Amino acid sequence: MYALPKVAVVLIALLPKPDALLGWEWRGEPRVYSPDTLYEYIDGSADLYLSYGFEEAAVADYVRGGEEGDWITVDVYDMGAPLHAFGICGAEKPSDCESFPAGAQGYATDNLIAFWQGDYYVKVMLVAGEDADAVRALAAEVGEGLPGGGSLPDELKRLPEKGRVAGSERYVKTSALGHKFLVEVVSADYALGDARARLHIGDLATVEKAREGMQKLRAFEERASEGVNALSGVGEDAFGARDPYYGEMVAARQGQFLVLAISEEAGGAELTALARRAVPLLAPACEGGVCRIE
């Protein structure tokens, strides 16, 4: 018999046992997927998961009443880090869902409950039948057995709290806003009076890469927008522009970080103030060109 890798055994142990719900049982054995085999399970979404750092998944089917009865699938994805689990959860979360009290930022749709906790992203789906209570019970069972707390990842502390719209926080690992150089980006919506804006903060790992990224962004806006205006007093380098796709923009660099405040409603002065609010949270301590948040 094929012996599962130790890490797979640990992941399977996070799934509810076959007798977790009275009258329910596993349909077959749990399955484990790696980055090389994930497409076999979620072909259309595998690339998205991989882009967020997916490492491994354990999946089990729970049935009641045999092959033709109720059927629930539980997926536990090891995303490698809380920020990655947070990111994939936000990427899949629909705008019209309800919140659900499981793990962190749990949400529910007609047939699905999903949440993240620690390094893990969990999905509990009702495939056949109408037993919503069983879905909730299995979701709670998984959440109780997962390591890690429910607080937001530390990287989101880079986002100012004042004016931030709760629940709007997101993380994009690669190619944010369509720019390949804009990576490791946390973002959130902000209320600026009657207007809304979105603040993006990218961690480009080194000061040199951040400088290069700022140059590429400025060059793009010079070609695409109606003009670029240099700004002072916002980080170490900053400019404003009217982006043809996203609206009014203020971009700034502080150490290894790029800050972009964007809005279709707010003006340049409001966005500049929002970017200024973020810069002090990014004041870095740098050694050899690599910085950390203090």
Protein backbone atom coordinates (compact mmCIF):
# COMPACT_ATOMS: atom_id res chain seq x y z
CA MET A 1 0.00 0.00 0.00
CA TYR A 2 1.24 3.49 -0.83
CA ALA A 3 2.39 5.36 2.28
CA LEU A 4 1.32 8.98 2.42
CA PRO A 5 4.00 11.59 3.13
CA LYS A 6 4.10 12.67 6.77
CA VAL A 7 2.79 16.15 5.92
CA ALA A 8 -0.20 14.58 4.13
CA VAL A 9 -1.01 12.46 7.18
CA VAL A 10 -0.99 15.61 9.31
CA LEU A 11 -3.28 17.41 6.88
CA ILE A 12 -5.76 14.52 6.72
CA ALA A 13 -5.89 14.57 10.53
CA LEU A 14 -7.42 18.06 10.28
CA LEU A 15 -10.47 16.66 8.46
CA PRO A 16 -13.47 15.68 10.60
CA LYS A 17 -13.53 11.94 11.37
CA PRO A 18 -16.02 9.82 9.41
CA ASP A 19 -18.26 9.56 12.49
CA ALA A 20 -18.13 13.29 13.30
CA LEU A 21 -21.86 13.53 12.51
CA LEU A 22 -24.33 10.84 13.54
CA GLY A 23 -25.42 8.82 10.51
CA TRP A 24 -22.71 10.20 8.23
CA GLU A 25 -19.64 8.39 6.90
CA TRP A 26 -16.76 8.91 4.52
CA ARG A 27 -17.40 8.13 0.88
CA GLY A 28 -14.14 6.37 0.05
CA GLU A 29 -10.85 7.53 1.57
CA PRO A 30 -9.64 11.15 1.88
CA ARG A 31 -7.65 12.43 -1.07
CA VAL A 32 -4.50 14.54 -1.02
CA TYR A 33 -3.43 16.95 -3.76
CA SER A 34 -0.05 18.58 -4.34
CA PRO A 35 0.84 21.56 -6.57
CA ASP A 36 1.45 19.04 -9.38
CA THR A 37 -1.95 17.34 -9.03
CA LEU A 38 -4.30 20.10 -7.84
CA TYR A 39 -5.62 20.59 -11.38
CA GLU A 40 -7.10 17.06 -11.16
CA TYR A 41 -9.49 18.37 -8.51
CA ILE A 42 -10.08 22.05 -9.34
CA ASP A 43 -8.81 22.38 -12.89
CA GLY A 44 -10.20 25.84 -13.59
CA SER A 45 -9.04 27.34 -10.28
CA ALA A 46 -5.71 25.55 -9.74
CA ASP A 47 -3.62 28.39 -11.18
CA LEU A 48 -5.26 30.89 -8.81
CA TYR A 49 -4.47 28.74 -5.79
CA LEU A 50 -0.91 28.18 -6.96
CA SER A 51 -0.45 31.93 -7.38
CA TYR A 52 -1.27 32.34 -3.68
CA GLY A 53 1.35 29.81 -2.54
CA PHE A 54 -0.71 26.62 -2.33
CA GLU A 55 1.24 23.71 -0.82
CA GLU A 56 -1.17 20.82 -0.31
CA ALA A 57 -4.85 19.95 0.11
CA ALA A 58 -6.80 17.18 1.85
CA VAL A 59 -10.35 16.42 0.69
CA ALA A 60 -12.99 14.10 2.13
CA ASP A 61 -16.54 13.30 1.05
CA TYR A 62 -19.19 12.77 3.72
CA VAL A 63 -22.39 10.93 2.80
CA ARG A 64 -25.59 9.89 4.54
CA GLY A 65 -27.94 7.35 3.04
CA GLY A 66 -25.50 5.78 0.58
CA GLU A 67 -24.59 6.84 -2.95
CA GLU A 68 -27.94 8.54 -3.62
CA GLY A 69 -28.20 10.35 -0.27
CA ASP A 70 -26.88 13.60 1.14
CA TRP A 71 -23.30 14.45 0.20
CA ILE A 72 -20.92 17.06 1.65
CA THR A 73 -17.32 17.71 0.63
CA VAL A 74 -14.75 19.18 3.03
CA ASP A 75 -11.57 20.73 1.56
CA VAL A 76 -8.62 21.85 3.71
CA TYR A 77 -5.98 23.77 1.74
CA ASP A 78 -2.55 24.37 3.27
CA MET A 79 -1.54 27.72 1.80
CA GLY A 80 1.81 27.92 3.59
CA ALA A 81 1.20 31.19 5.48
CA PRO A 82 -1.71 33.09 7.05
CA LEU A 83 -1.36 35.90 4.49
CA HIS A 84 -1.74 33.40 1.63
CA ALA A 85 -4.79 31.76 3.23
CA PHE A 86 -6.30 35.20 3.80
CA GLY A 87 -5.60 36.12 0.19
CA ILE A 88 -7.23 33.13 -1.48
CA CYS A 89 -10.24 33.42 0.81
CA GLY A 90 -10.71 37.05 -0.20
CA ALA A 91 -10.16 36.24 -3.88
CA GLU A 92 -12.99 33.69 -3.86
CA LYS A 93 -15.38 35.47 -1.51
CA PRO A 94 -18.45 36.69 -3.44
CA SER A 95 -19.75 40.19 -2.81
CA ASP A 96 -23.28 39.02 -1.96
CA CYS A 97 -22.44 36.36 0.64
CA GLU A 98 -23.31 36.23 4.32
CA SER A 99 -20.78 36.18 7.16
CA PHE A 100 -20.35 32.93 9.09
CA PRO A 101 -18.77 32.53 12.57
CA ALA A 102 -16.00 30.07 11.77
CA GLY A 103 -12.25 30.71 11.62
CA ALA A 104 -11.41 34.14 10.25
CA GLN A 105 -13.69 36.03 7.88
CA GLY A 106 -15.98 33.05 7.38
CA TYR A 107 -18.65 33.40 4.73
CA ALA A 108 -21.63 31.39 3.53
CA THR A 109 -23.56 31.03 0.28
CA ASP A 110 -26.51 28.77 -0.54
CA ASN A 111 -24.44 25.57 -0.50
CA LEU A 112 -21.00 26.57 0.80
CA ILE A 113 -19.25 27.70 3.97
CA ALA A 114 -15.65 28.88 3.69
CA PHE A 115 -13.11 30.50 5.99
CA TRP A 116 -9.39 30.77 6.64
CA GLN A 117 -7.49 30.13 9.85
CA GLY A 118 -3.73 30.14 10.33
CA ASP A 119 -2.13 28.70 7.19
CA TYR A 120 -5.35 27.01 6.07
CA TYR A 121 -8.28 27.77 3.80
CA VAL A 122 -11.35 25.61 4.35
CA LYS A 123 -14.37 24.98 2.13
CA VAL A 124 -17.37 22.87 3.16
CA MET A 125 -19.78 22.31 0.29
CA LEU A 126 -23.20 20.68 0.12
CA VAL A 127 -22.96 18.70 -3.14
CA ALA A 128 -26.32 16.88 -2.86
CA GLY A 129 -29.21 17.13 -0.42
CA GLU A 130 -30.56 19.96 1.71
CA ASP A 131 -28.95 19.49 5.15
CA ALA A 132 -27.54 22.95 5.80
CA ASP A 133 -27.18 22.13 9.52
CA ALA A 134 -24.72 19.36 8.69
CA VAL A 135 -22.65 21.76 6.59
CA ARG A 136 -22.48 24.20 9.50
CA ALA A 137 -21.59 21.41 11.94
CA LEU A 138 -18.74 20.13 9.78
CA ALA A 139 -17.41 23.66 9.24
CA ALA A 140 -17.39 24.22 13.01
CA GLU A 141 -15.68 20.85 13.53
CA VAL A 142 -12.85 21.75 11.15
CA GLY A 143 -12.39 25.20 12.66
CA GLU A 144 -12.07 23.80 16.19
CA GLY A 145 -9.28 21.46 15.10
CA LEU A 146 -7.19 23.93 13.10
CA PRO A 147 -4.09 25.59 14.54
CA GLY A 148 -3.72 29.33 14.26
CA GLY A 149 -5.87 32.18 15.46
CA GLY A 150 -8.47 34.32 13.74
CA SER A 151 -6.72 37.68 13.75
CA LEU A 152 -5.78 39.37 10.49
CA PRO A 153 -2.24 38.74 9.17
CA ASP A 154 0.44 41.08 10.51
CA GLU A 155 1.09 42.43 7.00
CA LEU A 156 -2.26 44.23 7.12
CA LYS A 157 -0.91 46.45 9.90
CA ARG A 158 0.70 48.41 7.06
CA LEU A 159 -2.79 49.72 6.24
CA PRO A 160 -3.89 52.76 8.30
CA GLU A 161 -6.86 52.10 10.55
CA LYS A 162 -8.46 55.56 10.26
CA GLY A 163 -11.21 55.50 7.66
CA ARG A 164 -10.62 51.86 6.70
CA VAL A 165 -13.76 49.99 5.68
CA ALA A 166 -13.98 46.84 7.78
CA GLY A 167 -13.96 43.64 5.74
CA SER A 168 -12.60 45.31 2.60
CA GLU A 169 -9.01 44.14 3.21
CA ARG A 170 -7.48 42.01 0.48
CA TYR A 171 -4.10 40.54 -0.49
CA VAL A 172 -2.76 39.95 -4.01
CA LYS A 173 0.49 38.02 -4.30
CA THR A 174 1.41 38.75 -7.93
CA SER A 175 0.69 41.27 -10.71
CA ALA A 176 -1.62 43.60 -8.78
CA LEU A 177 -3.55 46.10 -10.91
CA GLY A 178 -2.14 44.37 -14.00
CA HIS A 179 1.50 45.32 -13.26
CA LYS A 180 3.90 42.35 -13.06
CA PHE A 181 6.28 44.27 -10.80
CA LEU A 182 3.56 45.09 -8.24
CA VAL A 183 3.68 42.10 -5.88
CA GLU A 184 2.86 41.19 -2.27
CA VAL A 185 0.11 43.82 -2.14
CA VAL A 186 -2.27 44.39 0.75
CA SER A 187 -5.18 46.75 0.12
CA ALA A 188 -8.39 48.10 1.59
CA ASP A 189 -11.18 50.58 0.90
CA TYR A 190 -11.27 53.92 2.73
CA ALA A 191 -14.06 56.38 3.40
CA LEU A 192 -12.91 59.90 2.51
CA GLY A 193 -15.93 61.99 3.38
CA ASP A 194 -18.60 61.04 0.85
CA ALA A 195 -16.02 59.46 -1.47
CA ARG A 196 -14.44 56.03 -1.47
CA ALA A 197 -10.83 55.23 -2.31
CA ARG A 198 -8.70 52.11 -2.34
CA LEU A 199 -5.21 52.01 -0.88
CA HIS A 200 -2.69 49.44 -2.16
CA ILE A 201 0.67 48.76 -0.49
CA GLY A 202 3.14 46.49 -2.25
CA ASP A 203 6.20 44.95 -0.63
CA LEU A 204 8.85 44.64 -3.35
CA ALA A 205 11.40 43.04 -0.98
CA THR A 206 14.28 45.49 -1.57
CA VAL A 207 14.72 49.22 -1.98
CA GLU A 208 16.25 48.72 -5.42
CA LYS A 209 13.27 46.72 -6.68
CA ALA A 210 10.92 49.34 -5.28
CA ARG A 211 12.82 52.09 -7.12
CA GLU A 212 12.62 50.08 -10.35
CA GLY A 213 8.92 49.47 -9.80
CA MET A 214 8.28 53.16 -9.22
CA GLN A 215 10.12 54.00 -12.44
CA LYS A 216 8.05 51.47 -14.40
CA LEU A 217 4.82 52.78 -12.90
CA ARG A 218 5.73 56.38 -13.68
CA ALA A 219 6.69 55.45 -17.26
CA PHE A 220 3.38 53.65 -17.72
CA GLU A 221 1.35 56.59 -16.42
CA GLU A 222 3.31 59.01 -18.59
CA ARG A 223 2.26 57.00 -21.63
CA ALA A 224 -1.30 56.18 -20.59
CA SER A 225 -2.57 59.09 -18.50
CA GLU A 226 -3.20 62.75 -19.19
CA GLY A 227 -0.08 63.80 -17.32
CA VAL A 228 2.10 63.03 -14.29
CA ASN A 229 2.69 65.54 -11.50
CA ALA A 230 5.58 65.22 -9.06
CA LEU A 231 4.55 65.39 -5.40
CA SER A 232 6.62 66.29 -2.36
CA GLY A 233 6.26 65.31 1.28
CA VAL A 234 4.86 61.85 0.53
CA GLY A 235 7.47 59.20 1.20
CA GLU A 236 10.80 59.27 -0.62
CA ASP A 237 9.34 59.66 -4.11
CA ALA A 238 5.80 60.39 -5.26
CA PHE A 239 3.64 61.51 -8.18
CA GLY A 240 0.01 62.01 -9.08
CA ALA A 241 -1.79 61.03 -12.28
CA ARG A 242 -5.20 60.37 -13.79
CA ASP A 243 -5.07 56.65 -14.63
CA PRO A 244 -7.30 55.74 -17.62
CA TYR A 245 -8.42 52.50 -15.96
CA TYR A 246 -8.64 53.27 -12.24
CA GLY A 247 -9.19 57.01 -11.95
CA GLU A 248 -7.29 59.55 -9.87
CA MET A 249 -4.05 58.10 -8.49
CA VAL A 250 -1.31 59.06 -6.07
CA ALA A 251 1.74 56.78 -6.06
CA ALA A 252 4.58 56.93 -3.54
CA ARG A 253 7.64 54.91 -2.55
CA GLN A 254 8.86 54.41 1.00
CA GLY A 255 11.84 52.09 1.34
CA GLN A 256 10.94 48.75 -0.24
CA PHE A 257 7.22 49.61 -0.39
CA LEU A 258 5.04 51.16 -3.08
CA VAL A 259 1.87 52.98 -2.02
CA LEU A 260 -0.99 53.61 -4.45
CA ALA A 261 -4.12 55.54 -3.49
CA ILE A 262 -6.77 55.29 -6.21
CA SER A 263 -10.32 56.57 -6.61
CA GLU A 264 -12.93 57.47 -9.19
CA GLU A 265 -14.57 59.79 -6.66
CA ALA A 266 -11.89 61.44 -4.51
CA GLY A 267 -9.54 64.18 -5.69
CA GLY A 268 -5.76 64.32 -5.69
CA ALA A 269 -5.55 66.22 -2.40
CA GLU A 270 -7.62 63.60 -0.57
CA LEU A 271 -5.59 60.76 -2.04
CA THR A 272 -2.34 62.50 -1.16
CA ALA A 273 -3.53 62.76 2.45
CA LEU A 274 -4.41 59.06 2.45
CA ALA A 275 -0.98 58.09 1.11
CA ARG A 276 0.68 60.31 3.73
CA ARG A 277 -1.27 58.45 6.40
CA ALA A 278 0.28 55.17 5.27
CA VAL A 279 3.92 56.22 4.95
CA PRO A 280 4.74 56.38 8.71
CA LEU A 281 3.59 52.76 9.08
CA LEU A 282 6.20 51.76 6.51
CA ALA A 283 9.19 53.48 8.10
CA PRO A 284 11.75 50.73 7.59
CA ALA A 285 14.82 49.49 9.34
CA CYS A 286 17.04 48.39 6.47
CA GLU A 287 20.09 46.19 6.34
CA GLY A 288 21.70 45.40 3.02
CA GLY A 289 18.74 46.78 1.10
CA VAL A 290 16.21 44.47 2.81
CA CYS A 291 13.79 46.17 5.19
CA ARG A 292 11.37 45.09 7.87
CA ILE A 293 8.40 46.68 9.57
CA GLU A 294 9.17 47.78 13.12
